[in-house]
N, C-alpha and C. Protein backbone atom coordinates (compact mmCIF):
# COMPACT_ATOMS: atom_id res chain seq x y z
N MET A 1 -90.70 39.54 99.10
CA MET A 1 -91.22 40.26 100.23
C MET A 1 -90.10 41.05 100.88
N ALA A 2 -90.33 42.29 101.08
CA ALA A 2 -89.29 43.15 101.63
C ALA A 2 -88.99 42.83 103.08
N ASN A 3 -89.96 42.30 103.82
CA ASN A 3 -89.74 42.02 105.22
C ASN A 3 -89.44 40.54 105.51
N ALA A 4 -89.10 39.76 104.50
CA ALA A 4 -88.83 38.33 104.67
C ALA A 4 -87.53 38.12 105.45
N GLN A 5 -87.58 37.19 106.37
CA GLN A 5 -86.39 36.83 107.12
C GLN A 5 -85.55 35.88 106.27
N PRO A 6 -84.24 36.10 106.17
CA PRO A 6 -83.39 35.20 105.38
C PRO A 6 -83.46 33.77 105.88
N ILE A 7 -83.48 32.85 104.95
CA ILE A 7 -83.51 31.42 105.27
C ILE A 7 -82.09 30.88 105.09
N LYS A 8 -81.54 30.32 106.15
CA LYS A 8 -80.21 29.73 106.10
C LYS A 8 -80.30 28.34 106.70
N GLU A 9 -80.48 27.34 105.83
CA GLU A 9 -80.62 25.96 106.29
C GLU A 9 -79.26 25.26 106.30
N ARG A 10 -79.13 24.31 107.21
CA ARG A 10 -77.91 23.51 107.27
C ARG A 10 -77.91 22.51 106.13
N GLN A 11 -76.72 22.13 105.68
CA GLN A 11 -76.58 21.12 104.64
C GLN A 11 -76.99 19.76 105.21
N TYR A 12 -77.70 18.97 104.41
CA TYR A 12 -78.07 17.62 104.83
C TYR A 12 -76.82 16.75 104.86
N LYS A 13 -76.83 15.70 105.67
CA LYS A 13 -75.72 14.76 105.66
C LYS A 13 -75.68 14.09 104.29
N MET A 14 -74.45 13.92 103.78
CA MET A 14 -74.29 13.41 102.43
C MET A 14 -73.33 12.23 102.44
N ASN A 15 -73.62 11.24 101.64
CA ASN A 15 -72.72 10.12 101.45
C ASN A 15 -71.37 10.67 101.01
N PRO A 16 -70.26 10.28 101.65
CA PRO A 16 -68.94 10.82 101.27
C PRO A 16 -68.59 10.62 99.80
N ASN A 17 -69.02 9.50 99.22
CA ASN A 17 -68.78 9.28 97.78
C ASN A 17 -69.56 10.28 96.94
N TYR A 18 -70.76 10.61 97.36
CA TYR A 18 -71.56 11.61 96.66
C TYR A 18 -70.90 12.98 96.76
N ALA A 19 -70.36 13.29 97.94
CA ALA A 19 -69.74 14.60 98.14
C ALA A 19 -68.58 14.82 97.18
N ILE A 20 -67.75 13.80 96.97
CA ILE A 20 -66.64 13.91 96.02
C ILE A 20 -67.18 14.11 94.62
N ASN A 21 -68.21 13.36 94.27
CA ASN A 21 -68.82 13.46 92.95
C ASN A 21 -69.42 14.84 92.72
N VAL A 22 -70.09 15.38 93.74
CA VAL A 22 -70.69 16.71 93.62
C VAL A 22 -69.61 17.76 93.41
N ARG A 23 -68.54 17.68 94.19
CA ARG A 23 -67.46 18.67 94.05
C ARG A 23 -66.85 18.60 92.65
N ASP A 24 -66.59 17.38 92.17
CA ASP A 24 -65.98 17.21 90.85
C ASP A 24 -66.91 17.64 89.73
N LYS A 25 -68.17 17.19 89.78
CA LYS A 25 -69.08 17.44 88.67
C LYS A 25 -69.71 18.81 88.70
N LEU A 26 -70.04 19.28 89.88
CA LEU A 26 -70.77 20.54 89.95
C LEU A 26 -69.85 21.72 90.15
N PHE A 27 -69.20 21.75 91.29
CA PHE A 27 -68.45 22.95 91.66
C PHE A 27 -67.24 23.19 90.75
N ASP A 28 -66.41 22.19 90.56
CA ASP A 28 -65.20 22.40 89.76
C ASP A 28 -65.51 22.77 88.32
N LYS A 29 -66.45 22.05 87.70
CA LYS A 29 -66.78 22.33 86.30
C LYS A 29 -67.46 23.69 86.14
N LEU A 30 -68.41 23.99 87.01
CA LEU A 30 -69.11 25.27 86.91
C LEU A 30 -68.20 26.45 87.26
N LEU A 31 -67.29 26.24 88.21
CA LEU A 31 -66.34 27.27 88.58
C LEU A 31 -65.38 27.55 87.42
N ASP A 32 -64.86 26.49 86.82
CA ASP A 32 -63.95 26.64 85.67
C ASP A 32 -64.64 27.30 84.48
N ALA A 33 -65.92 27.00 84.29
CA ALA A 33 -66.67 27.57 83.16
C ALA A 33 -67.09 29.02 83.43
N GLY A 34 -66.96 29.49 84.67
CA GLY A 34 -67.35 30.86 85.00
C GLY A 34 -68.82 31.04 85.28
N PHE A 35 -69.57 29.93 85.45
CA PHE A 35 -71.00 30.03 85.76
C PHE A 35 -71.25 30.38 87.21
N ILE A 36 -70.33 29.96 88.09
CA ILE A 36 -70.46 30.28 89.51
C ILE A 36 -69.15 30.89 89.98
N TYR A 37 -69.19 31.52 91.14
CA TYR A 37 -67.98 32.09 91.74
C TYR A 37 -68.09 31.97 93.25
N PRO A 38 -66.96 31.86 93.93
CA PRO A 38 -67.00 31.71 95.39
C PRO A 38 -67.43 33.01 96.07
N ILE A 39 -68.16 32.87 97.17
CA ILE A 39 -68.55 34.02 97.98
C ILE A 39 -68.14 33.75 99.42
N GLU A 40 -67.93 34.81 100.17
CA GLU A 40 -67.50 34.67 101.57
C GLU A 40 -68.68 34.32 102.48
N THR A 41 -69.73 35.11 102.43
CA THR A 41 -70.89 34.87 103.29
C THR A 41 -72.17 35.12 102.50
N THR A 42 -73.25 34.57 103.00
CA THR A 42 -74.56 34.78 102.39
C THR A 42 -75.62 34.76 103.47
N GLN A 43 -76.72 35.43 103.23
CA GLN A 43 -77.83 35.40 104.18
C GLN A 43 -78.83 34.32 103.82
N TRP A 44 -78.80 33.85 102.58
CA TRP A 44 -79.74 32.83 102.12
C TRP A 44 -78.96 31.58 101.75
N LEU A 45 -79.41 30.42 102.24
CA LEU A 45 -78.70 29.17 101.97
C LEU A 45 -79.70 28.02 101.94
N SER A 46 -79.69 27.26 100.85
CA SER A 46 -80.57 26.10 100.71
C SER A 46 -79.70 24.86 100.52
N PRO A 47 -80.09 23.74 101.14
CA PRO A 47 -79.25 22.54 101.09
C PRO A 47 -79.36 21.79 99.77
N LEU A 48 -78.27 21.09 99.42
CA LEU A 48 -78.25 20.21 98.26
C LEU A 48 -78.89 18.88 98.62
N VAL A 49 -79.53 18.27 97.65
CA VAL A 49 -80.09 16.93 97.79
C VAL A 49 -79.55 16.11 96.63
N ILE A 50 -78.90 14.99 96.92
CA ILE A 50 -78.33 14.13 95.89
C ILE A 50 -79.25 12.93 95.71
N VAL A 51 -79.70 12.73 94.47
CA VAL A 51 -80.63 11.65 94.17
C VAL A 51 -79.99 10.74 93.13
N PRO A 52 -79.77 9.45 93.46
CA PRO A 52 -79.22 8.54 92.46
C PRO A 52 -80.28 8.20 91.41
N LYS A 53 -79.85 8.24 90.13
CA LYS A 53 -80.75 7.88 89.03
C LYS A 53 -80.69 6.37 88.80
N LYS A 54 -81.61 5.85 87.99
CA LYS A 54 -81.63 4.42 87.68
C LYS A 54 -80.38 3.98 86.92
N ASN A 55 -79.80 4.92 86.13
CA ASN A 55 -78.62 4.56 85.32
C ASN A 55 -77.32 4.66 86.12
N GLY A 56 -77.40 4.95 87.42
CA GLY A 56 -76.21 5.01 88.26
C GLY A 56 -75.62 6.40 88.43
N LYS A 57 -76.03 7.33 87.58
CA LYS A 57 -75.54 8.71 87.70
C LYS A 57 -76.27 9.40 88.85
N LEU A 58 -75.76 10.56 89.23
CA LEU A 58 -76.37 11.30 90.32
C LEU A 58 -77.07 12.55 89.81
N ARG A 59 -78.22 12.83 90.38
CA ARG A 59 -78.93 14.07 90.09
C ARG A 59 -78.72 15.00 91.28
N ILE A 60 -78.24 16.19 91.00
CA ILE A 60 -77.98 17.17 92.05
C ILE A 60 -79.14 18.16 92.06
N CYS A 61 -79.84 18.23 93.18
CA CYS A 61 -81.00 19.10 93.33
C CYS A 61 -80.75 20.04 94.51
N VAL A 62 -81.53 21.10 94.57
CA VAL A 62 -81.48 22.04 95.69
C VAL A 62 -82.87 22.08 96.32
N ASP A 63 -82.92 21.97 97.65
CA ASP A 63 -84.19 21.99 98.37
C ASP A 63 -84.58 23.44 98.66
N TYR A 64 -85.48 23.98 97.84
CA TYR A 64 -85.92 25.36 97.98
C TYR A 64 -87.26 25.49 98.71
N CYS A 65 -87.67 24.47 99.45
CA CYS A 65 -88.99 24.49 100.11
C CYS A 65 -89.16 25.71 101.01
N LYS A 66 -88.19 25.96 101.90
CA LYS A 66 -88.33 27.09 102.83
C LYS A 66 -88.16 28.43 102.10
N LEU A 67 -87.34 28.48 101.06
CA LEU A 67 -87.22 29.70 100.27
C LEU A 67 -88.54 29.99 99.56
N ASN A 68 -89.15 28.98 98.98
CA ASN A 68 -90.42 29.17 98.29
C ASN A 68 -91.51 29.67 99.23
N ALA A 69 -91.46 29.26 100.49
CA ALA A 69 -92.45 29.71 101.46
C ALA A 69 -92.33 31.22 101.72
N GLN A 70 -91.14 31.79 101.48
CA GLN A 70 -90.91 33.21 101.71
C GLN A 70 -91.20 34.07 100.48
N THR A 71 -91.38 33.47 99.32
CA THR A 71 -91.56 34.25 98.10
C THR A 71 -93.02 34.64 97.90
N LYS A 72 -93.18 35.73 97.21
CA LYS A 72 -94.52 36.23 96.90
C LYS A 72 -95.04 35.46 95.69
N LYS A 73 -96.23 34.96 95.78
CA LYS A 73 -96.82 34.17 94.70
C LYS A 73 -97.30 35.09 93.58
N ASP A 74 -97.08 34.65 92.34
CA ASP A 74 -97.50 35.42 91.17
C ASP A 74 -98.92 35.01 90.79
N LEU A 75 -99.84 35.97 90.79
CA LEU A 75 -101.23 35.67 90.45
C LEU A 75 -101.43 35.48 88.95
N PHE A 76 -100.44 35.90 88.14
CA PHE A 76 -100.53 35.77 86.70
C PHE A 76 -99.37 34.90 86.22
N PRO A 77 -99.57 33.58 86.17
CA PRO A 77 -98.48 32.69 85.78
C PRO A 77 -98.06 32.89 84.32
N LEU A 78 -96.88 32.44 84.00
CA LEU A 78 -96.39 32.52 82.63
C LEU A 78 -97.26 31.67 81.71
N PRO A 79 -97.44 32.10 80.47
CA PRO A 79 -98.24 31.29 79.54
C PRO A 79 -97.48 30.02 79.14
N PHE A 80 -98.22 29.08 78.59
CA PHE A 80 -97.60 27.86 78.13
C PHE A 80 -96.62 28.16 76.99
N LEU A 81 -95.54 27.40 76.94
CA LEU A 81 -94.51 27.61 75.92
C LEU A 81 -95.09 27.48 74.51
N ASP A 82 -96.01 26.55 74.32
CA ASP A 82 -96.62 26.37 72.99
C ASP A 82 -97.30 27.64 72.50
N SER A 83 -98.01 28.32 73.39
CA SER A 83 -98.72 29.54 72.97
C SER A 83 -97.73 30.67 72.67
N ILE A 84 -96.62 30.72 73.37
CA ILE A 84 -95.59 31.74 73.09
C ILE A 84 -94.97 31.49 71.72
N ILE A 85 -94.64 30.24 71.43
CA ILE A 85 -94.04 29.90 70.13
C ILE A 85 -95.01 30.21 69.00
N ASP A 86 -96.29 29.86 69.17
CA ASP A 86 -97.29 30.17 68.15
C ASP A 86 -97.38 31.67 67.89
N PHE A 87 -97.22 32.47 68.92
CA PHE A 87 -97.33 33.92 68.79
C PHE A 87 -96.13 34.52 68.07
N VAL A 88 -94.91 33.99 68.30
CA VAL A 88 -93.71 34.61 67.74
C VAL A 88 -93.24 33.98 66.43
N VAL A 89 -93.82 32.87 66.03
CA VAL A 89 -93.36 32.21 64.82
C VAL A 89 -93.57 33.12 63.59
N GLY A 90 -92.57 33.18 62.75
CA GLY A 90 -92.65 33.99 61.54
C GLY A 90 -92.14 35.41 61.72
N HIS A 91 -91.84 35.82 62.96
CA HIS A 91 -91.31 37.16 63.21
C HIS A 91 -89.80 37.10 63.33
N GLU A 92 -89.14 38.09 62.77
CA GLU A 92 -87.67 38.13 62.83
C GLU A 92 -87.19 38.51 64.24
N MET A 93 -87.87 39.42 64.89
CA MET A 93 -87.49 39.84 66.25
C MET A 93 -88.69 39.79 67.16
């Protein structure tokens, strides 16, 4: 939406042990790999949510609820992956 107001949410409080883990696993690795890069400012910001898994590892999620409320809904959803594969199988390109 062209007239959408930017959503800038505050970060949720995070367990200090989780924060170290997030920095080590997410930011440092992705930064070193070139997948992400630092920015000075942004108009859109969604908070991280850290969810412990049953195996003890952490799942890093982003809460996009307020961002999703600002997006325009697509009336024509993407087709199922199975139907796409059936359509392209046997073609070189």
